[in-house]
C-alpha atoms as a PDB file:
ATOM      1  CA  MET A   1     120.145  11.806 137.718  1.00  0.00           C
ATOM      2  CA  LYS A   2     123.133  12.512 137.970  1.00  0.00           C
ATOM      3  CA  ARG A   3     122.847  16.312 136.739  1.00  0.00           C
ATOM      4  CA  LYS A   4     120.329  16.962 139.818  1.00  0.00           C
ATOM      5  CA  PHE A   5     122.534  18.780 141.666  1.00  0.00           C
ATOM      6  CA  LEU A   6     122.449  20.970 138.335  1.00  0.00           C
ATOM      7  CA  PHE A   7     119.034  21.740 138.921  1.00  0.00           C
ATOM      8  CA  SER A   8     118.549  22.286 142.291  1.00  0.00           C
ATOM      9  CA  PHE A   9     121.424  24.486 142.292  1.00  0.00           C
ATOM     10  CA  TYR A  10     119.156  26.725 140.024  1.00  0.00           C
ATOM     11  CA  GLU A  11     116.534  27.146 142.609  1.00  0.00           C
ATOM     12  CA  THR A  12     118.676  28.796 145.012  1.00  0.00           C
ATOM     13  CA  PRO A  13     118.738  32.381 145.019  1.00  0.00           C
ATOM     14  CA  GLN A  14     122.791  32.974 143.333  1.00  0.00           C
ATOM     15  CA  GLY A  15     121.525  29.988 140.790  1.00  0.00           C
ATOM     16  CA  LYS A  16     119.022  31.652 139.287  1.00  0.00           C
ATOM     17  CA  MET A  17     121.739  34.768 139.138  1.00  0.00           C
ATOM     18  CA  LEU A  18     123.227  32.150 136.920  1.00  0.00           C
ATOM     19  CA  GLN A  19     120.697  30.959 134.753  1.00  0.00           C
ATOM     20  CA  THR A  20     119.826  34.222 134.083  1.00  0.00           C
ATOM     21  CA  LEU A  21     123.332  35.424 132.694  1.00  0.00           C
ATOM     22  CA  GLU A  22     123.171  31.661 130.990  1.00  0.00           C
ATOM     23  CA  GLU A  23     120.602  32.691 129.175  1.00  0.00           C
ATOM     24  CA  LYS A  24     122.253  35.887 127.832  1.00  0.00           C
ATOM     25  CA  TYR A  25     125.311  34.443 126.863  1.00  0.00           C
ATOM     26  CA  LEU A  26     124.036  31.609 124.805  1.00  0.00           C
ATOM     27  CA  LYS A  27     121.305  33.796 123.597  1.00  0.00           C
ATOM     28  CA  ARG A  28     123.857  36.055 122.159  1.00  0.00           C
ATOM     29  CA  SER A  29     126.142  33.059 121.524  1.00  0.00           C
ATOM     30  CA  ILE A  30     124.051  31.607 118.408  1.00  0.00           C
ATOM     31  CA  THR A  31     125.203  33.434 115.723  1.00  0.00           C
ATOM     32  CA  VAL A  32     124.708  30.592 112.934  1.00  0.00           C
ATOM     33  CA  GLY A  33     122.243  30.889 110.487  1.00  0.00           C
ATOM     34  CA  CYS A  34     118.815  29.664 110.828  1.00  0.00           C
ATOM     35  CA  LYS A  35     119.168  26.818 108.381  1.00  0.00           C
ATOM     36  CA  GLN A  36     121.638  25.111 110.106  1.00  0.00           C
ATOM     37  CA  THR A  37     122.345  22.485 112.340  1.00  0.00           C
ATOM     38  CA  ILE A  38     122.340  23.157 116.233  1.00  0.00           C
ATOM     39  CA  LEU A  39     123.057  20.642 118.842  1.00  0.00           C
ATOM     40  CA  GLN A  40     122.818  20.293 122.598  1.00  0.00           C
ATOM     41  CA  ILE A  41     123.986  18.201 124.717  1.00  0.00           C
ATOM     42  CA  GLY A  42     121.944  17.435 127.954  1.00  0.00           C
ATOM     43  CA  ALA A  43     118.527  18.961 128.572  1.00  0.00           C
ATOM     44  CA  LEU A  44     118.205  22.273 130.349  1.00  0.00           C
ATOM     45  CA  SER A  45     113.934  23.000 130.496  1.00  0.00           C
ATOM     46  CA  TRP A  46     114.333  26.620 130.005  1.00  0.00           C
ATOM     47  CA  GLU A  47     115.973  26.319 126.097  1.00  0.00           C
ATOM     48  CA  SER A  48     112.916  28.792 125.198  1.00  0.00           C
ATOM     49  CA  SER A  49     114.697  31.778 126.541  1.00  0.00           C
ATOM     50  CA  PHE A  50     117.762  31.569 124.697  1.00  0.00           C
ATOM     51  CA  ILE A  51     116.777  29.906 121.093  1.00  0.00           C
ATOM     52  CA  ASP A  52     113.130  30.414 119.428  1.00  0.00           C
ATOM     53  CA  CYS A  53     112.873  26.532 117.553  1.00  0.00           C
ATOM     54  CA  SER A  54     110.196  28.272 115.304  1.00  0.00           C
ATOM     55  CA  LEU A  55     113.044  30.319 113.517  1.00  0.00           C
ATOM     56  CA  TYR A  56     115.998  27.757 114.477  1.00  0.00           C
ATOM     57  CA  GLN A  57     114.259  24.752 112.998  1.00  0.00           C
ATOM     58  CA  LYS A  58     117.487  22.182 112.880  1.00  0.00           C
ATOM     59  CA  PHE A  59     117.915  22.750 116.997  1.00  0.00           C
ATOM     60  CA  SER A  60     118.344  19.547 118.501  1.00  0.00           C
ATOM     61  CA  ILE A  61     118.472  18.625 122.017  1.00  0.00           C
ATOM     62  CA  LEU A  62     119.944  15.278 122.954  1.00  0.00           C
ATOM     63  CA  ASP A  63     119.450  13.496 126.085  1.00  0.00           C
ATOM     64  CA  VAL A  64     119.259  10.337 128.107  1.00  0.00           C
ATOM     65  CA  ASN A  65     115.763  10.838 128.962  1.00  0.00           C
ATOM     66  CA  ALA A  66     114.833  12.838 126.017  1.00  0.00           C
ATOM     67  CA  GLU A  67     114.119  16.148 127.655  1.00  0.00           C
ATOM     68  CA  GLY A  68     114.067  19.660 127.577  1.00  0.00           C
ATOM     69  CA  TYR A  69     112.559  22.637 125.096  1.00  0.00           C
ATOM     70  CA  SER A  70     109.269  20.974 123.927  1.00  0.00           C
ATOM     71  CA  GLN A  71     109.211  22.615 121.055  1.00  0.00           C
ATOM     72  CA  ALA A  72     113.075  21.180 119.878  1.00  0.00           C
ATOM     73  CA  THR A  73     113.858  17.720 117.973  1.00  0.00           C
ATOM     74  CA  LYS A  74     114.714  14.896 120.896  1.00  0.00           C
ATOM     75  CA  ILE A  75     117.288  13.097 120.318  1.00  0.00           C
ATOM     76  CA  ARG A  76     117.421   9.963 123.201  1.00  0.00           C
ATOM     77  CA  GLY A  77     121.303   8.666 123.574  1.00  0.00           C
ATOM     78  CA  LYS A  78     124.739   9.145 125.013  1.00  0.00           C
ATOM     79  CA  SER A  79     127.200  11.638 125.079  1.00  0.00           C
ATOM     80  CA  TYR A  80     129.758   8.989 123.949  1.00  0.00           C
ATOM     81  CA  LEU A  81     128.063   7.798 121.579  1.00  0.00           C
ATOM     82  CA  LEU A  82     125.993  10.521 119.232  1.00  0.00           C
ATOM     83  CA  PRO A  83     124.308   8.692 117.011  1.00  0.00           C
ATOM     84  CA  ILE A  84     124.884  11.265 114.288  1.00  0.00           C
ATOM     85  CA  GLN A  85     126.671  11.623 110.840  1.00  0.00           C
ATOM     86  CA  SER A  86     129.999  13.239 111.247  1.00  0.00           C
ATOM     87  CA  GLU A  87     130.299  16.683 110.102  1.00  0.00           C
ATOM     88  CA  THR A  88     126.770  17.457 109.967  1.00  0.00           C
ATOM     89  CA  VAL A  89     126.668  19.692 112.834  1.00  0.00           C
ATOM     90  CA  ASP A  90     127.720  23.737 113.106  1.00  0.00           C
ATOM     91  CA  LEU A  91     127.801  24.508 116.428  1.00  0.00           C
ATOM     92  CA  VAL A  92     127.704  22.122 119.753  1.00  0.00           C
ATOM     93  CA  LEU A  93     126.080  23.204 122.999  1.00  0.00           C
ATOM     94  CA  LEU A  94     127.445  21.876 126.418  1.00  0.00           C
ATOM     95  CA  PRO A  95     125.862  23.807 129.151  1.00  0.00           C
ATOM     96  CA  HIS A  96     126.843  21.623 132.674  1.00  0.00           C
ATOM     97  CA  LEU A  97     127.660  18.442 130.917  1.00  0.00           C
ATOM     98  CA  LEU A  98     131.230  17.381 131.031  1.00  0.00           C
ATOM     99  CA  GLU A  99     131.427  17.897 135.248  1.00  0.00           C
ATOM    100  CA  PHE A 100     128.421  14.854 134.983  1.00  0.00           C
ATOM    101  CA  ASP A 101     129.590  12.606 132.292  1.00  0.00           C
ATOM    102  CA  GLU A 102     131.753   9.342 133.386  1.00  0.00           C
ATOM    103  CA  HIS A 103     133.271   9.274 129.671  1.00  0.00           C
ATOM    104  CA  ARG A 104     133.764  13.213 129.200  1.00  0.00           C
ATOM    105  CA  PHE A 105     136.969  13.251 126.681  1.00  0.00           C
ATOM    106  CA  GLN A 106     135.456  10.358 124.691  1.00  0.00           C
ATOM    107  CA  THR A 107     132.003  12.874 124.860  1.00  0.00           C
ATOM    108  CA  MET A 108     134.462  15.568 123.300  1.00  0.00           C
ATOM    109  CA  ARG A 109     136.084  13.712 120.459  1.00  0.00           C
ATOM    110  CA  GLU A 110     132.388  12.888 119.636  1.00  0.00           C
ATOM    111  CA  ILE A 111     131.867  16.082 119.557  1.00  0.00           C
ATOM    112  CA  GLU A 112     134.970  16.791 117.262  1.00  0.00           C
ATOM    113  CA  ARG A 113     133.428  14.320 114.746  1.00  0.00           C
ATOM    114  CA  VAL A 114     130.210  15.396 114.569  1.00  0.00           C
ATOM    115  CA  LEU A 115     131.152  19.274 113.838  1.00  0.00           C
ATOM    116  CA  LYS A 116     131.683  20.639 110.378  1.00  0.00           C
ATOM    117  CA  PRO A 117     135.298  21.565 109.815  1.00  0.00           C
ATOM    118  CA  GLU A 118     135.287  25.045 111.006  1.00  0.00           C
ATOM    119  CA  GLY A 119     132.517  24.338 112.834  1.00  0.00           C
ATOM    120  CA  GLU A 120     132.105  25.573 117.085  1.00  0.00           C
ATOM    121  CA  VAL A 121     131.064  24.553 120.199  1.00  0.00           C
ATOM    122  CA  ILE A 122     129.960  26.131 123.648  1.00  0.00           C
ATOM    123  CA  ILE A 123     131.342  24.705 126.850  1.00  0.00           C
ATOM    124  CA  ILE A 124     129.893  25.667 130.480  1.00  0.00           C
ATOM    125  CA  ASN A 125     131.426  24.550 133.608  1.00  0.00           C
ATOM    126  CA  PHE A 126     131.122  25.625 137.173  1.00  0.00           C
ATOM    127  CA  ASN A 127     134.217  27.235 138.541  1.00  0.00           C
ATOM    128  CA  PRO A 128     135.964  24.459 140.837  1.00  0.00           C
ATOM    129  CA  ILE A 129     137.767  27.566 143.021  1.00  0.00           C
ATOM    130  CA  ASN A 130     134.349  29.759 143.622  1.00  0.00           C
ATOM    131  CA  VAL A 131     133.357  28.949 147.660  1.00  0.00           C
ATOM    132  CA  TRP A 132     129.658  29.219 147.172  1.00  0.00           C
ATOM    133  CA  VAL A 133     129.593  26.421 144.585  1.00  0.00           C
ATOM    134  CA  ARG A 134     132.116  24.479 146.809  1.00  0.00           C
ATOM    135  CA  LEU A 135     129.653  25.052 150.498  1.00  0.00           C
ATOM    136  CA  GLN A 136     126.691  24.627 147.941  1.00  0.00           C
ATOM    137  CA  PHE A 137     128.305  20.583 146.601  1.00  0.00           C
ATOM    138  CA  LEU A 138     129.059  19.898 149.848  1.00  0.00           C
ATOM    139  CA  TRP A 139     125.755  21.109 151.493  1.00  0.00           C
ATOM    140  CA  ASN A 140     123.937  18.459 148.569  1.00  0.00           C
ATOM    141  CA  LYS A 141     126.178  16.166 148.950  1.00  0.00           C
ATOM    142  CA  LYS A 142     125.775  15.567 152.363  1.00  0.00           C
ATOM    143  CA  MET A 143     121.907  15.851 152.421  1.00  0.00           C
ATOM    144  CA  SER A 144     121.904  13.118 149.004  1.00  0.00           C
ATOM    145  CA  LYS A 145     124.101  11.456 146.677  1.00  0.00           C
ATOM    146  CA  THR A 146     122.639  13.194 144.027  1.00  0.00           C
ATOM    147  CA  TRP A 147     126.164  15.187 142.808  1.00  0.00           C
ATOM    148  CA  GLN A 148     128.409  12.397 141.293  1.00  0.00           C
ATOM    149  CA  GLY A 149     130.286  14.676 139.136  1.00  0.00           C
ATOM    150  CA  HIS A 150     133.025  16.245 138.497  1.00  0.00           C
ATOM    151  CA  PHE A 151     134.971  19.683 138.876  1.00  0.00           C
ATOM    152  CA  ILE A 152     136.450  20.723 135.815  1.00  0.00           C
ATOM    153  CA  LYS A 153     139.447  23.016 135.574  1.00  0.00           C
ATOM    154  CA  ARG A 154     139.835  25.763 133.194  1.00  0.00           C
ATOM    155  CA  THR A 155     143.591  24.392 131.906  1.00  0.00           C
ATOM    156  CA  ARG A 156     142.057  20.930 131.979  1.00  0.00           C
ATOM    157  CA  VAL A 157     139.092  22.155 129.374  1.00  0.00           C
ATOM    158  CA  ALA A 158     141.371  24.145 127.244  1.00  0.00           C
ATOM    159  CA  ASP A 159     144.178  21.010 127.100  1.00  0.00           C
ATOM    160  CA  TRP A 160     141.714  18.790 125.679  1.00  0.00           C
ATOM    161  CA  LEU A 161     140.604  21.041 122.961  1.00  0.00           C
ATOM    162  CA  LYS A 162     143.624  21.678 122.162  1.00  0.00           C
ATOM    163  CA  LEU A 163     144.630  18.186 121.836  1.00  0.00           C
ATOM    164  CA  LEU A 164     141.424  17.842 119.454  1.00  0.00           C
ATOM    165  CA  ASN A 165     142.663  20.691 117.113  1.00  0.00           C
ATOM    166  CA  PHE A 166     139.881  23.541 118.288  1.00  0.00           C
ATOM    167  CA  GLU A 167     141.216  27.079 118.612  1.00  0.00           C
ATOM    168  CA  ILE A 168     139.914  28.952 121.410  1.00  0.00           C
ATOM    169  CA  LYS A 169     137.770  32.051 120.028  1.00  0.00           C
ATOM    170  CA  THR A 170     136.607  33.581 123.384  1.00  0.00           C
ATOM    171  CA  THR A 171     136.414  32.890 127.220  1.00  0.00           C
ATOM    172  CA  SER A 172     133.520  34.289 129.887  1.00  0.00           C
ATOM    173  CA  GLU A 173     133.428  34.347 133.149  1.00  0.00           C
ATOM    174  CA  PHE A 174     129.909  34.768 135.099  1.00  0.00           C
ATOM    175  CA  THR A 175     129.745  36.524 138.653  1.00  0.00           C
ATOM    176  CA  LEU A 176     127.026  37.538 140.209  1.00  0.00           C
ATOM    177  CA  ASP A 177     125.774  40.706 138.105  1.00  0.00           C
ATOM    178  CA  SER A 178     127.522  40.437 135.248  1.00  0.00           C
ATOM    179  CA  ILE A 179     129.738  38.162 132.434  1.00  0.00           C
ATOM    180  CA  LEU A 180     133.384  39.000 131.708  1.00  0.00           C
ATOM    181  CA  SER A 181     134.588  37.762 128.028  1.00  0.00           C
ATOM    182  CA  THR A 182     137.789  37.419 126.817  1.00  0.00           C
ATOM    183  CA  PRO A 183     139.399  36.705 123.626  1.00  0.00           C
ATOM    184  CA  GLU A 184     141.373  33.654 123.350  1.00  0.00           C
ATOM    185  CA  LYS A 185     142.938  31.950 126.730  1.00  0.00           C
ATOM    186  CA  PHE A 186     141.999  32.492 129.969  1.00  0.00           C
ATOM    187  CA  LYS A 187     142.912  35.516 131.930  1.00  0.00           C
ATOM    188  CA  LEU A 188     143.406  35.053 135.796  1.00  0.00           C
ATOM    189  CA  GLY A 189     142.392  37.979 138.344  1.00  0.00           C
ATOM    190  CA  LYS A 190     140.469  38.804 141.087  1.00  0.00           C
ATOM    191  CA  ARG A 191     136.637  38.205 138.711  1.00  0.00           C
ATOM    192  CA  THR A 192     138.028  34.831 138.457  1.00  0.00           C
ATOM    193  CA  CYS A 193     137.626  33.670 141.733  1.00  0.00           C
ATOM    194  CA  PHE A 194     134.287  35.487 142.302  1.00  0.00           C
ATOM    195  CA  SER A 195     132.917  33.892 139.355  1.00  0.00           C
ATOM    196  CA  MET A 196     130.247  31.317 139.959  1.00  0.00           C
ATOM    197  CA  ALA A 197     130.812  29.286 136.560  1.00  0.00           C
ATOM    198  CA  TYR A 198     133.074  29.712 132.909  1.00  0.00           C
ATOM    199  CA  ALA A 199     132.254  29.395 129.248  1.00  0.00           C
ATOM    200  CA  VAL A 200     134.784  28.794 126.307  1.00  0.00           C
ATOM    201  CA  ARG A 201     133.890  29.104 122.665  1.00  0.00           C
ATOM    202  CA  ALA A 202     135.967  27.089 120.634  1.00  0.00           C
ATOM    203  CA  VAL A 203     136.503  26.363 116.715  1.00  0.00           C
ATOM    204  CA  LYS A 204     137.202  23.373 114.528  1.00  0.00           C
ATOM    205  CA  ARG A 205     139.935  23.692 112.768  1.00  0.00           C
ATOM    206  CA  ARG A 206     141.207  21.374 110.381  1.00  0.00           C
ATOM    207  CA  TYR A 207     144.050  21.537 108.739  1.00  0.00           C
ATOM    208  CA  THR A 208     145.041  20.112 105.378  1.00  0.00           C
ATOM    209  CA  LEU A 209     148.767  18.368 104.767  1.00  0.00           C
ATOM    210  CA  ILE A 210     150.489  19.165 101.222  1.00  0.00           C
ATOM    211  CA  PRO A 211     152.935  16.652 100.590  1.00  0.00           C
ATOM    212  CA  LEU A 212     156.284  17.397  99.126  1.00  0.00           C
ATOM    213  CA  THR A 213     157.452  15.745  96.249  1.00  0.00           C
ATOM    214  CA  PRO A 214     160.951  15.692  94.929  1.00  0.00           C
ATOM    215  CA  VAL A 215     161.054  18.129  91.841  1.00  0.00           C
ATOM    216  CA  LYS A 216     162.854  16.587  88.675  1.00  0.00           C
ATOM    217  CA  ALA A 217     165.710  18.324  86.781  1.00  0.00           C
ATOM    218  CA  THR A 218     164.772  19.737  83.668  1.00  0.00           C
ATOM    219  CA  PRO A 219     167.532  21.399  81.045  1.00  0.00           C
ATOM    220  CA  SER A 220     167.550  25.080  80.941  1.00  0.00           C
ATOM    221  CA  ARG A 221     166.731  26.853  77.658  1.00  0.00           C
ATOM    222  CA  LEU A 222     167.795  29.747  78.828  1.00  0.00           C
ATOM    223  CA  VAL A 223     171.811  31.280  77.837  1.00  0.00           C
ATOM    224  CA  THR A 224     173.233  32.542  80.517  1.00  0.00           C
ATOM    225  CA  ALA A 225     174.784  36.171  79.620  1.00  0.00           C
ATOM    226  CA  SER A 226     178.400  35.359  79.606  1.00  0.00           C
ATOM    227  CA  SER A 227     177.518  32.533  77.193  1.00  0.00           C
ATOM    228  CA  GLY A 228     175.274  34.867  74.835  1.00  0.00           C
ATOM    229  CA  LEU A 229     178.271  37.969  74.961  1.00  0.00           C
ATOM    230  CA  GLU A 230     180.879  35.411  73.974  1.00  0.00           C
ATOM    231  CA  SER A 231     178.427  33.979  70.790  1.00  0.00           C
ATOM    232  CA  THR A 232     177.797  37.984  69.834  1.00  0.00           C
ATOM    233  CA  THR A 233     181.634  38.434  69.710  1.00  0.00           C
ATOM    234  CA  HIS A 234     182.727  35.158  67.929  1.00  0.00           C
ATOM    235  CA  ARG A 235     180.114  36.201  65.267  1.00  0.00           C
ATOM    236  CA  THR A 236     181.271  39.793  65.079  1.00  0.00           C
ATOM    237  CA  LYS A 237     184.969  38.813  64.107  1.00  0.00           C
ATOM    238  CA  LYS A 238     183.927  36.421  61.535  1.00  0.00           C
ATOM    239  CA  HIS A 239     181.581  38.999  60.430  1.00  0.00           C
ATOM    240  CA  ASP A 240     184.784  41.223  59.886  1.00  0.00           C
END
């Protein structure tokens, strides 16, 4: 199971803190209507802490093993080949999924396909420059082969989103005790090194090209001021 490292990390004291912060972040980030469609790719098993399925009845979890919140609609499938119609989803949640996905960019393409225009995606990844996360990764990999993933830099995620015509709305850093959110691009600072994970929220933009067609020249029916003045003068002299 590729994401076993994630669940083992949540069992550590720092991991429990991170889980609490991510619960708060996801709960306040779900701002779509109750009748709109929400898709989470990759089960967490603690979805009930940030969403109420009795209220959001169109909340679905896509997972290879069909795991996750028992009250949510389960979809068994692969992230890079979503069994979902195009432009039918309002919000996509990606909690620590891309790090363990061998076809991560194809997954991003599929997300762009299923999202409606102006639909949003929320991505949560581990911070690749955090010392504790790195040490935990090395320890876990030494003891067993459960990682099978890749740390992803913020700049790479931003490049993927830009390439797929997404616009970044907010970025967030998860430290040991707080969540720091900033509009648009990531802002590097001291808190960046100490944050255990980061999140990015982006909206799918759909740009419509307006074709430019040549305008045909039409004869003008208006009389210029000079020609009108000459005509008036000619008529006045004739009258005299």
